[in-house]
Amino acid sequence: MPTDVDRELNRIGSTLDRVRSRTDLAVSSRNRQHREAEVVRRLGRIAAADGAILVGAIAFALIVAPLGIMGAMLVAVLMIAATMLFAVMPASTPVNVEKLAEIPLKALPRSTERWLETQRPALPSPVRGLVDSIGVKLETLAPQLATLDENSPAAVEVRKLVGEQLPELVKGYGRVPEPLRRVERNGLTPDQQLAQGLQLIDDEIAEMTAQLAQGDLDNLATRGRFLQIKYQGEEG
């Protein structure tokens, strides 16, 4: 017969499975939306470039001289080259993490998420789920910042966590030489420190989002939590 402990463990396991399932669905939807937006941006740039080439060719033919066969071939080559160029170029400019402090608050979560996504391949597999979870929470947080005063104490706390502490955590891990990332120091490896830090940030963003939704700006502004994680290999 199952004991109360067994039933409680089963209940907790079921709850975790449901949470993971919802997170996986949110991540899948987010990734699909990002891919679709990327395709739309690329197609838009290709259409604009090809349109500009055609307009220029028509204007040249009407004002200067007919294009002829060679001119038409040149136009076709230019359009093919433009299509190939914009098809392989990144659809959006890379985020400069050093400039996050200058980004408007309402755009900060999306910019941080984009930067974090570029760091994902260099992070250990066990924490990539946390990176996805943070990305989902950043997307949820972004609309709530639209009406928040840039200079309010609550905005300062959000900017500190999202624009400073999260990037510093990931950059600090990146400065650790790869062979040392699984070497224990002071009871934890850098991989474990990274996982703990990302989990804390994930929880903090969720708490901030809830407080913003409730209008509890005073509580948010006085939280004052600071991540104090040291990395093996960091410069003292």
Foldseek 3Di string as FASTA:
>chain_A
DDDPVNVVVVVVVVVVVVVLVVLVVLLVVVVVVVVVVQVVLLVVQLVVQLVVLVVVQVVCCVPPHNLPPVNVVVSVVSSVVSNVVSVPDGSDDQQDLVCLVVDPLLCNLVNLLRNLVVLLVVADPVCSSLNSLSNSLSVLQNVLCPPPDCPDLLVVLVCCLRSPQVVCLSVQLVQDPPVQQQPDDPRDGVNRLSNVSSVVSSVLSVVSSVCSVVVVSVCSSPPPDDDDGHHPNDDD
